[in-house]
PDB file of N, CA and C in Angstrom:
ATOM      1  N   UNK A   1     -13.903 -31.966  16.098  1.00  0.00           N
ATOM      2  CA  UNK A   1     -15.298 -32.280  16.072  1.00  0.00           C
ATOM      3  C   UNK A   1     -15.562 -32.971  14.758  1.00  0.00           C
ATOM      4  N   UNK A   2     -16.305 -34.091  14.837  1.00  0.00           N
ATOM      5  CA  UNK A   2     -16.712 -34.849  13.615  1.00  0.00           C
ATOM      6  C   UNK A   2     -18.024 -34.445  13.140  1.00  0.00           C
ATOM      7  N   UNK A   3     -18.100 -34.046  11.866  1.00  0.00           N
ATOM      8  CA  UNK A   3     -19.375 -33.711  11.252  1.00  0.00           C
ATOM      9  C   UNK A   3     -19.708 -34.807  10.264  1.00  0.00           C
ATOM     10  N   UNK A   4     -20.958 -35.280  10.380  1.00  0.00           N
ATOM     11  CA  UNK A   4     -21.456 -36.313   9.449  1.00  0.00           C
ATOM     12  C   UNK A   4     -22.686 -35.768   8.785  1.00  0.00           C
ATOM     13  N   UNK A   5     -22.646 -35.717   7.457  1.00  0.00           N
ATOM     14  CA  UNK A   5     -23.811 -35.277   6.703  1.00  0.00           C
ATOM     15  C   UNK A   5     -24.437 -36.487   5.995  1.00  0.00           C
ATOM     16  N   UNK A   6     -25.391 -37.083   6.677  1.00  0.00           N
ATOM     17  CA  UNK A   6     -26.046 -38.257   6.169  1.00  0.00           C
ATOM     18  C   UNK A   6     -27.443 -37.955   5.572  1.00  0.00           C
ATOM     19  N   UNK A   7     -27.638 -36.743   5.139  1.00  0.00           N
ATOM     20  CA  UNK A   7     -28.983 -36.350   4.689  1.00  0.00           C
ATOM     21  C   UNK A   7     -29.351 -37.018   3.404  1.00  0.00           C
ATOM     22  N   UNK A   8     -28.486 -37.703   2.700  1.00  0.00           N
ATOM     23  CA  UNK A   8     -28.826 -38.387   1.485  1.00  0.00           C
ATOM     24  C   UNK A   8     -28.913 -39.925   1.715  1.00  0.00           C
ATOM     25  N   UNK A   9     -28.739 -40.323   2.936  1.00  0.00           N
ATOM     26  CA  UNK A   9     -28.736 -41.758   3.316  1.00  0.00           C
ATOM     27  C   UNK A   9     -30.016 -42.130   4.010  1.00  0.00           C
ATOM     28  N   UNK A  10     -31.022 -42.497   3.241  1.00  0.00           N
ATOM     29  CA  UNK A  10     -32.291 -42.892   3.872  1.00  0.00           C
ATOM     30  C   UNK A  10     -33.186 -43.582   2.842  1.00  0.00           C
ATOM     31  N   UNK A  11     -34.218 -44.183   3.381  1.00  0.00           N
ATOM     32  CA  UNK A  11     -35.270 -44.780   2.472  1.00  0.00           C
ATOM     33  C   UNK A  11     -36.464 -43.858   2.545  1.00  0.00           C
ATOM     34  N   UNK A  12     -37.032 -43.521   1.390  1.00  0.00           N
ATOM     35  CA  UNK A  12     -38.185 -42.634   1.372  1.00  0.00           C
ATOM     36  C   UNK A  12     -39.390 -43.354   1.870  1.00  0.00           C
ATOM     37  N   UNK A  13     -40.103 -42.722   2.781  1.00  0.00           N
ATOM     38  CA  UNK A  13     -41.323 -43.317   3.326  1.00  0.00           C
ATOM     39  C   UNK A  13     -42.539 -42.523   2.837  1.00  0.00           C
ATOM     40  N   UNK A  14     -43.705 -42.991   3.169  1.00  0.00           N
ATOM     41  CA  UNK A  14     -44.913 -42.317   2.723  1.00  0.00           C
ATOM     42  C   UNK A  14     -45.072 -40.931   3.370  1.00  0.00           C
ATOM     43  N   UNK A  15     -44.989 -40.910   4.702  1.00  0.00           N
ATOM     44  CA  UNK A  15     -45.121 -39.616   5.413  1.00  0.00           C
ATOM     45  C   UNK A  15     -43.823 -39.164   6.010  1.00  0.00           C
ATOM     46  N   UNK A  16     -42.889 -40.104   6.168  1.00  0.00           N
ATOM     47  CA  UNK A  16     -41.648 -39.742   6.830  1.00  0.00           C
ATOM     48  C   UNK A  16     -40.531 -40.663   6.258  1.00  0.00           C
ATOM     49  N   UNK A  17     -39.351 -40.118   6.021  1.00  0.00           N
ATOM     50  CA  UNK A  17     -38.221 -40.927   5.556  1.00  0.00           C
ATOM     51  C   UNK A  17     -37.671 -41.709   6.740  1.00  0.00           C
ATOM     52  N   UNK A  18     -36.982 -42.837   6.424  1.00  0.00           N
ATOM     53  CA  UNK A  18     -36.455 -43.658   7.444  1.00  0.00           C
ATOM     54  C   UNK A  18     -35.049 -44.067   7.196  1.00  0.00           C
ATOM     55  N   UNK A  19     -34.256 -44.167   8.251  1.00  0.00           N
ATOM     56  CA  UNK A  19     -32.907 -44.681   8.110  1.00  0.00           C
ATOM     57  C   UNK A  19     -32.968 -46.182   7.963  1.00  0.00           C
ATOM     58  N   UNK A  20     -32.273 -46.710   7.006  1.00  0.00           N
ATOM     59  CA  UNK A  20     -32.187 -48.196   6.823  1.00  0.00           C
ATOM     60  C   UNK A  20     -31.121 -48.729   7.750  1.00  0.00           C
ATOM     61  N   UNK A  21     -31.113 -49.995   8.005  1.00  0.00           N
ATOM     62  CA  UNK A  21     -30.063 -50.565   8.862  1.00  0.00           C
ATOM     63  C   UNK A  21     -28.615 -50.308   8.339  1.00  0.00           C
ATOM     64  N   UNK A  22     -28.455 -50.286   7.015  1.00  0.00           N
ATOM     65  CA  UNK A  22     -27.130 -50.003   6.416  1.00  0.00           C
ATOM     66  C   UNK A  22     -26.726 -48.567   6.602  1.00  0.00           C
ATOM     67  N   UNK A  23     -27.729 -47.651   6.625  1.00  0.00           N
ATOM     68  CA  UNK A  23     -27.450 -46.220   6.887  1.00  0.00           C
ATOM     69  C   UNK A  23     -26.989 -46.031   8.335  1.00  0.00           C
ATOM     70  N   UNK A  24     -27.667 -46.681   9.251  1.00  0.00           N
ATOM     71  CA  UNK A  24     -27.318 -46.530  10.668  1.00  0.00           C
ATOM     72  C   UNK A  24     -25.950 -47.171  10.908  1.00  0.00           C
ATOM     73  N   UNK A  25     -25.681 -48.269  10.209  1.00  0.00           N
ATOM     74  CA  UNK A  25     -24.339 -48.938  10.373  1.00  0.00           C
ATOM     75  C   UNK A  25     -23.228 -48.035   9.834  1.00  0.00           C
ATOM     76  N   UNK A  26     -23.446 -47.355   8.733  1.00  0.00           N
ATOM     77  CA  UNK A  26     -22.474 -46.451   8.207  1.00  0.00           C
ATOM     78  C   UNK A  26     -22.193 -45.295   9.132  1.00  0.00           C
ATOM     79  N   UNK A  27     -23.241 -44.688   9.656  1.00  0.00           N
ATOM     80  CA  UNK A  27     -23.115 -43.570  10.579  1.00  0.00           C
ATOM     81  C   UNK A  27     -22.360 -44.048  11.773  1.00  0.00           C
ATOM     82  N   UNK A  28     -22.728 -45.195  12.373  1.00  0.00           N
ATOM     83  CA  UNK A  28     -22.032 -45.702  13.523  1.00  0.00           C
ATOM     84  C   UNK A  28     -20.565 -45.964  13.262  1.00  0.00           C
ATOM     85  N   UNK A  29     -20.266 -46.639  12.105  1.00  0.00           N
ATOM     86  CA  UNK A  29     -18.886 -46.929  11.763  1.00  0.00           C
ATOM     87  C   UNK A  29     -18.039 -45.629  11.633  1.00  0.00           C
ATOM     88  N   UNK A  30     -18.522 -44.681  10.937  1.00  0.00           N
ATOM     89  CA  UNK A  30     -17.795 -43.417  10.708  1.00  0.00           C
ATOM     90  C   UNK A  30     -17.591 -42.696  12.020  1.00  0.00           C
ATOM     91  N   UNK A  31     -18.637 -42.676  12.905  1.00  0.00           N
ATOM     92  CA  UNK A  31     -18.523 -42.039  14.151  1.00  0.00           C
ATOM     93  C   UNK A  31     -17.522 -42.766  15.100  1.00  0.00           C
ATOM     94  N   UNK A  32     -17.685 -44.061  15.162  1.00  0.00           N
ATOM     95  CA  UNK A  32     -16.828 -44.846  16.078  1.00  0.00           C
ATOM     96  C   UNK A  32     -15.366 -44.780  15.675  1.00  0.00           C
ATOM     97  N   UNK A  33     -15.075 -44.843  14.386  1.00  0.00           N
ATOM     98  CA  UNK A  33     -13.700 -44.863  13.915  1.00  0.00           C
ATOM     99  C   UNK A  33     -13.181 -43.482  13.507  1.00  0.00           C
ATOM    100  N   UNK A  34     -14.029 -42.453  13.715  1.00  0.00           N
ATOM    101  CA  UNK A  34     -13.652 -41.055  13.434  1.00  0.00           C
ATOM    102  C   UNK A  34     -13.079 -40.938  12.004  1.00  0.00           C
ATOM    103  N   UNK A  35     -13.797 -41.486  11.017  1.00  0.00           N
ATOM    104  CA  UNK A  35     -13.388 -41.521   9.609  1.00  0.00           C
ATOM    105  C   UNK A  35     -13.861 -40.282   8.867  1.00  0.00           C
ATOM    106  N   UNK A  36     -13.084 -39.825   7.934  1.00  0.00           N
ATOM    107  CA  UNK A  36     -13.440 -38.770   7.033  1.00  0.00           C
ATOM    108  C   UNK A  36     -13.675 -39.432   5.681  1.00  0.00           C
ATOM    109  N   UNK A  37     -14.901 -39.175   5.154  1.00  0.00           N
ATOM    110  CA  UNK A  37     -15.260 -39.691   3.847  1.00  0.00           C
ATOM    111  C   UNK A  37     -15.700 -38.464   3.006  1.00  0.00           C
ATOM    112  N   UNK A  38     -15.246 -38.411   1.779  1.00  0.00           N
ATOM    113  CA  UNK A  38     -15.613 -37.281   0.887  1.00  0.00           C
ATOM    114  C   UNK A  38     -17.112 -37.145   0.779  1.00  0.00           C
ATOM    115  N   UNK A  39     -17.585 -35.923   0.886  1.00  0.00           N
ATOM    116  CA  UNK A  39     -19.062 -35.596   0.793  1.00  0.00           C
ATOM    117  C   UNK A  39     -19.927 -36.308   1.833  1.00  0.00           C
ATOM    118  N   UNK A  40     -19.291 -36.798   2.943  1.00  0.00           N
ATOM    119  CA  UNK A  40     -20.067 -37.525   3.912  1.00  0.00           C
ATOM    120  C   UNK A  40     -19.663 -37.090   5.342  1.00  0.00           C
ATOM    121  N   UNK A  41     -18.384 -37.038   5.650  1.00  0.00           N
ATOM    122  CA  UNK A  41     -17.950 -36.746   7.002  1.00  0.00           C
ATOM    123  C   UNK A  41     -16.654 -35.990   6.968  1.00  0.00           C
ATOM    124  N   UNK A  42     -16.411 -35.215   8.016  1.00  0.00           N
ATOM    125  CA  UNK A  42     -15.151 -34.480   8.114  1.00  0.00           C
ATOM    126  C   UNK A  42     -14.820 -34.101   9.550  1.00  0.00           C
ATOM    127  N   UNK A  43     -13.550 -34.242   9.967  1.00  0.00           N
ATOM    128  CA  UNK A  43     -13.049 -33.812  11.233  1.00  0.00           C
ATOM    129  C   UNK A  43     -12.637 -32.354  11.085  1.00  0.00           C
ATOM    130  N   UNK A  44     -13.204 -31.512  11.932  1.00  0.00           N
ATOM    131  CA  UNK A  44     -12.834 -30.104  11.893  1.00  0.00           C
ATOM    132  C   UNK A  44     -12.186 -29.679  13.237  1.00  0.00           C
ATOM    133  N   UNK A  45     -11.160 -28.957  13.129  1.00  0.00           N
ATOM    134  CA  UNK A  45     -10.413 -28.485  14.325  1.00  0.00           C
ATOM    135  C   UNK A  45     -11.271 -27.348  14.983  1.00  0.00           C
ATOM    136  N   UNK A  46     -11.119 -27.251  16.269  1.00  0.00           N
ATOM    137  CA  UNK A  46     -11.810 -26.247  17.064  1.00  0.00           C
ATOM    138  C   UNK A  46     -11.454 -24.849  16.548  1.00  0.00           C
ATOM    139  N   UNK A  47     -10.212 -24.661  16.152  1.00  0.00           N
ATOM    140  CA  UNK A  47      -9.832 -23.324  15.631  1.00  0.00           C
ATOM    141  C   UNK A  47     -10.556 -22.962  14.349  1.00  0.00           C
ATOM    142  N   UNK A  48     -10.793 -23.937  13.495  1.00  0.00           N
ATOM    143  CA  UNK A  48     -11.582 -23.697  12.275  1.00  0.00           C
ATOM    144  C   UNK A  48     -13.051 -23.291  12.621  1.00  0.00           C
ATOM    145  N   UNK A  49     -13.607 -24.024  13.548  1.00  0.00           N
ATOM    146  CA  UNK A  49     -14.967 -23.718  13.949  1.00  0.00           C
ATOM    147  C   UNK A  49     -15.123 -22.350  14.546  1.00  0.00           C
ATOM    148  N   UNK A  50     -14.153 -21.949  15.402  1.00  0.00           N
ATOM    149  CA  UNK A  50     -14.149 -20.649  16.083  1.00  0.00           C
ATOM    150  C   UNK A  50     -13.757 -19.555  15.167  1.00  0.00           C
ATOM    151  N   UNK A  51     -12.572 -19.653  14.494  1.00  0.00           N
ATOM    152  CA  UNK A  51     -11.979 -18.576  13.722  1.00  0.00           C
ATOM    153  C   UNK A  51     -12.575 -18.384  12.379  1.00  0.00           C
ATOM    154  N   UNK A  52     -12.762 -19.499  11.688  1.00  0.00           N
ATOM    155  CA  UNK A  52     -13.252 -19.446  10.262  1.00  0.00           C
ATOM    156  C   UNK A  52     -14.778 -19.288  10.212  1.00  0.00           C
ATOM    157  N   UNK A  53     -15.450 -20.071  11.072  1.00  0.00           N
ATOM    158  CA  UNK A  53     -16.887 -20.142  10.889  1.00  0.00           C
ATOM    159  C   UNK A  53     -17.651 -19.445  12.068  1.00  0.00           C
ATOM    160  N   UNK A  54     -16.954 -18.766  12.932  1.00  0.00           N
ATOM    161  CA  UNK A  54     -17.560 -17.950  13.991  1.00  0.00           C
ATOM    162  C   UNK A  54     -18.519 -18.821  14.854  1.00  0.00           C
ATOM    163  N   UNK A  55     -18.110 -19.984  15.237  1.00  0.00           N
ATOM    164  CA  UNK A  55     -18.913 -20.877  16.088  1.00  0.00           C
ATOM    165  C   UNK A  55     -20.091 -21.477  15.385  1.00  0.00           C
ATOM    166  N   UNK A  56     -20.243 -21.301  14.105  1.00  0.00           N
ATOM    167  CA  UNK A  56     -21.358 -21.802  13.400  1.00  0.00           C
ATOM    168  C   UNK A  56     -21.202 -23.332  13.162  1.00  0.00           C
ATOM    169  N   UNK A  57     -22.139 -24.130  13.634  1.00  0.00           N
ATOM    170  CA  UNK A  57     -22.017 -25.586  13.507  1.00  0.00           C
ATOM    171  C   UNK A  57     -22.915 -26.134  12.455  1.00  0.00           C
ATOM    172  N   UNK A  58     -23.317 -25.362  11.482  1.00  0.00           N
ATOM    173  CA  UNK A  58     -24.083 -25.804  10.326  1.00  0.00           C
ATOM    174  C   UNK A  58     -23.251 -26.893   9.577  1.00  0.00           C
ATOM    175  N   UNK A  59     -23.801 -28.106   9.482  1.00  0.00           N
ATOM    176  CA  UNK A  59     -23.062 -29.189   8.894  1.00  0.00           C
ATOM    177  C   UNK A  59     -22.555 -28.896   7.473  1.00  0.00           C
ATOM    178  N   UNK A  60     -23.435 -28.265   6.713  1.00  0.00           N
ATOM    179  CA  UNK A  60     -23.041 -27.997   5.291  1.00  0.00           C
ATOM    180  C   UNK A  60     -21.794 -27.064   5.155  1.00  0.00           C
ATOM    181  N   UNK A  61     -21.471 -26.391   6.234  1.00  0.00           N
ATOM    182  CA  UNK A  61     -20.240 -25.549   6.164  1.00  0.00           C
ATOM    183  C   UNK A  61     -18.988 -26.415   6.189  1.00  0.00           C
ATOM    184  N   UNK A  62     -19.126 -27.655   6.658  1.00  0.00           N
ATOM    185  CA  UNK A  62     -17.970 -28.509   6.817  1.00  0.00           C
ATOM    186  C   UNK A  62     -18.047 -29.736   5.873  1.00  0.00           C
ATOM    187  N   UNK A  63     -19.229 -30.190   5.581  1.00  0.00           N
ATOM    188  CA  UNK A  63     -19.383 -31.351   4.674  1.00  0.00           C
ATOM    189  C   UNK A  63     -20.413 -30.954   3.632  1.00  0.00           C
ATOM    190  N   UNK A  64     -19.911 -30.593   2.483  1.00  0.00           N
ATOM    191  CA  UNK A  64     -20.810 -30.273   1.337  1.00  0.00           C
ATOM    192  C   UNK A  64     -21.033 -31.495   0.488  1.00  0.00           C
ATOM    193  N   UNK A  65     -22.260 -32.011   0.529  1.00  0.00           N
ATOM    194  CA  UNK A  65     -22.559 -33.172  -0.260  1.00  0.00           C
ATOM    195  C   UNK A  65     -23.429 -32.929  -1.477  1.00  0.00           C
ATOM    196  N   UNK A  66     -23.448 -31.697  -1.933  1.00  0.00           N
ATOM    197  CA  UNK A  66     -24.232 -31.418  -3.126  1.00  0.00           C
ATOM    198  C   UNK A  66     -23.547 -32.070  -4.309  1.00  0.00           C
ATOM    199  N   UNK A  67     -24.386 -32.632  -5.226  1.00  0.00           N
ATOM    200  CA  UNK A  67     -23.770 -33.272  -6.384  1.00  0.00           C
ATOM    201  C   UNK A  67     -23.103 -32.289  -7.256  1.00  0.00           C
ATOM    202  N   UNK A  68     -22.047 -32.698  -7.932  1.00  0.00           N
ATOM    203  CA  UNK A  68     -21.313 -31.872  -8.870  1.00  0.00           C
ATOM    204  C   UNK A  68     -22.256 -31.554 -10.015  1.00  0.00           C
ATOM    205  N   UNK A  69     -22.166 -30.289 -10.525  1.00  0.00           N
ATOM    206  CA  UNK A  69     -23.056 -29.938 -11.697  1.00  0.00           C
ATOM    207  C   UNK A  69     -22.648 -30.702 -12.921  1.00  0.00           C
ATOM    208  N   UNK A  70     -23.620 -31.202 -13.662  1.00  0.00           N
ATOM    209  CA  UNK A  70     -23.394 -31.946 -14.856  1.00  0.00           C
ATOM    210  C   UNK A  70     -23.119 -30.983 -15.967  1.00  0.00           C
ATOM    211  N   UNK A  71     -22.112 -31.288 -16.763  1.00  0.00           N
ATOM    212  CA  UNK A  71     -21.789 -30.444 -17.949  1.00  0.00           C
ATOM    213  C   UNK A  71     -22.933 -30.541 -18.941  1.00  0.00           C
ATOM    214  N   UNK A  72     -23.307 -29.358 -19.437  1.00  0.00           N
ATOM    215  CA  UNK A  72     -24.357 -29.311 -20.443  1.00  0.00           C
ATOM    216  C   UNK A  72     -23.744 -29.504 -21.808  1.00  0.00           C
ATOM    217  N   UNK A  73     -24.124 -30.579 -22.486  1.00  0.00           N
ATOM    218  CA  UNK A  73     -23.585 -30.883 -23.745  1.00  0.00           C
ATOM    219  C   UNK A  73     -24.756 -30.807 -24.754  1.00  0.00           C
ATOM    220  N   UNK A  74     -24.639 -29.952 -25.711  1.00  0.00           N
ATOM    221  CA  UNK A  74     -25.709 -29.825 -26.712  1.00  0.00           C
ATOM    222  C   UNK A  74     -25.316 -30.585 -27.952  1.00  0.00           C
ATOM    223  N   UNK A  75     -26.147 -31.444 -28.495  1.00  0.00           N
ATOM    224  CA  UNK A  75     -25.848 -32.112 -29.663  1.00  0.00           C
ATOM    225  C   UNK A  75     -26.153 -31.321 -30.905  1.00  0.00           C
ATOM    226  N   UNK A  76     -26.910 -30.244 -30.735  1.00  0.00           N
ATOM    227  CA  UNK A  76     -27.234 -29.382 -31.887  1.00  0.00           C
ATOM    228  C   UNK A  76     -26.662 -28.033 -31.660  1.00  0.00           C
ATOM    229  N   UNK A  77     -25.956 -27.517 -32.694  1.00  0.00           N
ATOM    230  CA  UNK A  77     -25.400 -26.154 -32.518  1.00  0.00           C
ATOM    231  C   UNK A  77     -26.482 -25.124 -32.454  1.00  0.00           C
ATOM    232  N   UNK A  78     -26.211 -24.010 -31.798  1.00  0.00           N
ATOM    233  CA  UNK A  78     -27.174 -22.931 -31.697  1.00  0.00           C
ATOM    234  C   UNK A  78     -27.313 -22.300 -33.111  1.00  0.00           C
ATOM    235  N   UNK A  79     -28.526 -21.889 -33.371  1.00  0.00           N
ATOM    236  CA  UNK A  79     -28.825 -21.352 -34.715  1.00  0.00           C
ATOM    237  C   UNK A  79     -27.963 -20.072 -34.979  1.00  0.00           C
ATOM    238  N   UNK A  80     -27.631 -19.308 -33.971  1.00  0.00           N
ATOM    239  CA  UNK A  80     -26.848 -18.069 -34.189  1.00  0.00           C
ATOM    240  C   UNK A  80     -25.369 -18.398 -34.434  1.00  0.00           C
ATOM    241  N   UNK A  81     -25.002 -19.659 -34.364  1.00  0.00           N
ATOM    242  CA  UNK A  81     -23.629 -20.083 -34.620  1.00  0.00           C
ATOM    243  C   UNK A  81     -23.490 -20.805 -35.944  1.00  0.00           C
ATOM    244  N   UNK A  82     -24.515 -20.719 -36.808  1.00  0.00           N
ATOM    245  CA  UNK A  82     -24.491 -21.423 -38.108  1.00  0.00           C
ATOM    246  C   UNK A  82     -24.293 -20.414 -39.199  1.00  0.00           C
ATOM    247  N   UNK A  83     -23.402 -20.757 -40.113  1.00  0.00           N
ATOM    248  CA  UNK A  83     -23.163 -19.880 -41.234  1.00  0.00           C
ATOM    249  C   UNK A  83     -23.162 -20.777 -42.519  1.00  0.00           C
ATOM    250  N   UNK A  84     -23.502 -20.271 -43.633  1.00  0.00           N
ATOM    251  CA  UNK A  84     -23.388 -21.017 -44.911  1.00  0.00           C
ATOM    252  C   UNK A  84     -21.937 -21.493 -45.040  1.00  0.00           C
ATOM    253  N   UNK A  85     -21.755 -22.724 -45.447  1.00  0.00           N
ATOM    254  CA  UNK A  85     -20.447 -23.279 -45.673  1.00  0.00           C
ATOM    255  C   UNK A  85     -19.723 -22.758 -46.880  1.00  0.00           C
ATOM    256  N   UNK A  86     -20.505 -22.512 -47.962  1.00  0.00           N
ATOM    257  CA  UNK A  86     -19.879 -21.978 -49.159  1.00  0.00           C
ATOM    258  C   UNK A  86     -20.944 -21.263 -49.934  1.00  0.00           C
ATOM    259  N   UNK A  87     -20.577 -20.099 -50.531  1.00  0.00           N
ATOM    260  CA  UNK A  87     -21.560 -19.400 -51.384  1.00  0.00           C
ATOM    261  C   UNK A  87     -21.916 -20.199 -52.661  1.00  0.00           C
ATOM    262  N   UNK A  88     -21.055 -21.044 -53.093  1.00  0.00           N
ATOM    263  CA  UNK A  88     -21.334 -21.862 -54.295  1.00  0.00           C
ATOM    264  C   UNK A  88     -22.541 -22.755 -54.037  1.00  0.00           C
ATOM    265  N   UNK A  89     -22.635 -23.276 -52.851  1.00  0.00           N
ATOM    266  CA  UNK A  89     -23.773 -24.186 -52.467  1.00  0.00           C
ATOM    267  C   UNK A  89     -25.080 -23.498 -52.456  1.00  0.00           C
ATOM    268  N   UNK A  90     -25.087 -22.182 -52.380  1.00  0.00           N
ATOM    269  CA  UNK A  90     -26.369 -21.420 -52.344  1.00  0.00           C
ATOM    270  C   UNK A  90     -26.935 -21.189 -53.728  1.00  0.00           C
ATOM    271  N   UNK A  91     -26.264 -21.593 -54.772  1.00  0.00           N
ATOM    272  CA  UNK A  91     -26.755 -21.380 -56.143  1.00  0.00           C
ATOM    273  C   UNK A  91     -28.020 -22.332 -56.340  1.00  0.00           C
ATOM    274  N   UNK A  92     -28.957 -21.870 -57.169  1.00  0.00           N
ATOM    275  CA  UNK A  92     -30.120 -22.670 -57.460  1.00  0.00           C
ATOM    276  C   UNK A  92     -29.658 -24.024 -58.052  1.00  0.00           C
ATOM    277  N   UNK A  93     -30.267 -25.101 -57.603  1.00  0.00           N
ATOM    278  CA  UNK A  93     -29.931 -26.407 -58.150  1.00  0.00           C
ATOM    279  C   UNK A  93     -28.739 -27.039 -57.422  1.00  0.00           C
ATOM    280  N   UNK A  94     -28.155 -26.373 -56.451  1.00  0.00           N
ATOM    281  CA  UNK A  94     -27.003 -26.908 -55.791  1.00  0.00           C
ATOM    282  C   UNK A  94     -27.363 -27.746 -54.581  1.00  0.00           C
ATOM    283  N   UNK A  95     -28.643 -27.898 -54.315  1.00  0.00           N
ATOM    284  CA  UNK A  95     -29.083 -28.714 -53.208  1.00  0.00           C
ATOM    285  C   UNK A  95     -29.286 -27.930 -51.949  1.00  0.00           C
ATOM    286  N   UNK A  96     -29.250 -26.662 -51.999  1.00  0.00           N
ATOM    287  CA  UNK A  96     -29.409 -25.844 -50.808  1.00  0.00           C
ATOM    288  C   UNK A  96     -28.144 -25.614 -50.098  1.00  0.00           C
ATOM    289  N   UNK A  97     -28.127 -24.698 -49.108  1.00  0.00           N
ATOM    290  CA  UNK A  97     -26.946 -24.354 -48.374  1.00  0.00           C
ATOM    291  C   UNK A  97     -26.655 -25.369 -47.250  1.00  0.00           C
ATOM    292  N   UNK A  98     -25.474 -25.781 -47.163  1.00  0.00           N
ATOM    293  CA  UNK A  98     -25.043 -26.610 -46.010  1.00  0.00           C
ATOM    294  C   UNK A  98     -24.561 -25.665 -44.952  1.00  0.00           C
ATOM    295  N   UNK A  99     -24.792 -26.062 -43.735  1.00  0.00           N
ATOM    296  CA  UNK A  99     -24.439 -25.201 -42.666  1.00  0.00           C
ATOM    297  C   UNK A  99     -23.356 -25.890 -41.834  1.00  0.00           C
ATOM    298  N   UNK A 100     -22.461 -25.063 -41.278  1.00  0.00           N
ATOM    299  CA  UNK A 100     -21.416 -25.625 -40.424  1.00  0.00           C
ATOM    300  C   UNK A 100     -21.365 -24.740 -39.136  1.00  0.00           C
ATOM    301  N   UNK A 101     -21.004 -25.365 -38.067  1.00  0.00           N
ATOM    302  CA  UNK A 101     -20.930 -24.672 -36.811  1.00  0.00           C
ATOM    303  C   UNK A 101     -19.614 -23.920 -36.738  1.00  0.00           C
ATOM    304  N   UNK A 102     -19.627 -22.699 -36.188  1.00  0.00           N
ATOM    305  CA  UNK A 102     -18.414 -21.916 -35.991  1.00  0.00           C
ATOM    306  C   UNK A 102     -18.274 -21.599 -34.515  1.00  0.00           C
ATOM    307  N   UNK A 103     -17.066 -21.385 -34.121  1.00  0.00           N
ATOM    308  CA  UNK A 103     -16.826 -20.959 -32.714  1.00  0.00           C
ATOM    309  C   UNK A 103     -16.809 -19.460 -32.673  1.00  0.00           C
ATOM    310  N   UNK A 104     -17.492 -18.923 -31.614  1.00  0.00           N
ATOM    311  CA  UNK A 104     -17.449 -17.466 -31.477  1.00  0.00           C
ATOM    312  C   UNK A 104     -16.040 -16.995 -31.089  1.00  0.00           C
ATOM    313  N   UNK A 105     -15.695 -15.816 -31.550  1.00  0.00           N
ATOM    314  CA  UNK A 105     -14.438 -15.244 -31.208  1.00  0.00           C
ATOM    315  C   UNK A 105     -14.471 -14.703 -29.796  1.00  0.00           C
ATOM    316  N   UNK A 106     -13.329 -14.803 -29.166  1.00  0.00           N
ATOM    317  CA  UNK A 106     -13.344 -14.253 -27.816  1.00  0.00           C
ATOM    318  C   UNK A 106     -12.269 -14.696 -26.966  1.00  0.00           C
TER     319      UNK A 106
END
């Protein structure tokens, strides 16, 4: 059985979303040629549908098109990870303490 998850392939409308001609063409091409495309379509064996998914035909069980989570990159170190770089810099007139980021142990 061929599963096609085209829920991200559309043009947004005012009251209702619409399939564009290129979206229809892609669906038709994949269906006609029984193509598997990552995060779009997948051929599943009857045994997988019956044994693994208990006859559940929910498309997302076979074609997961959720975007990959983006890595969170912080440009500023957390304040609890900052320590004075040197006690000498903390002396009056030394220009204040400079801070450096440390890695937590673990």
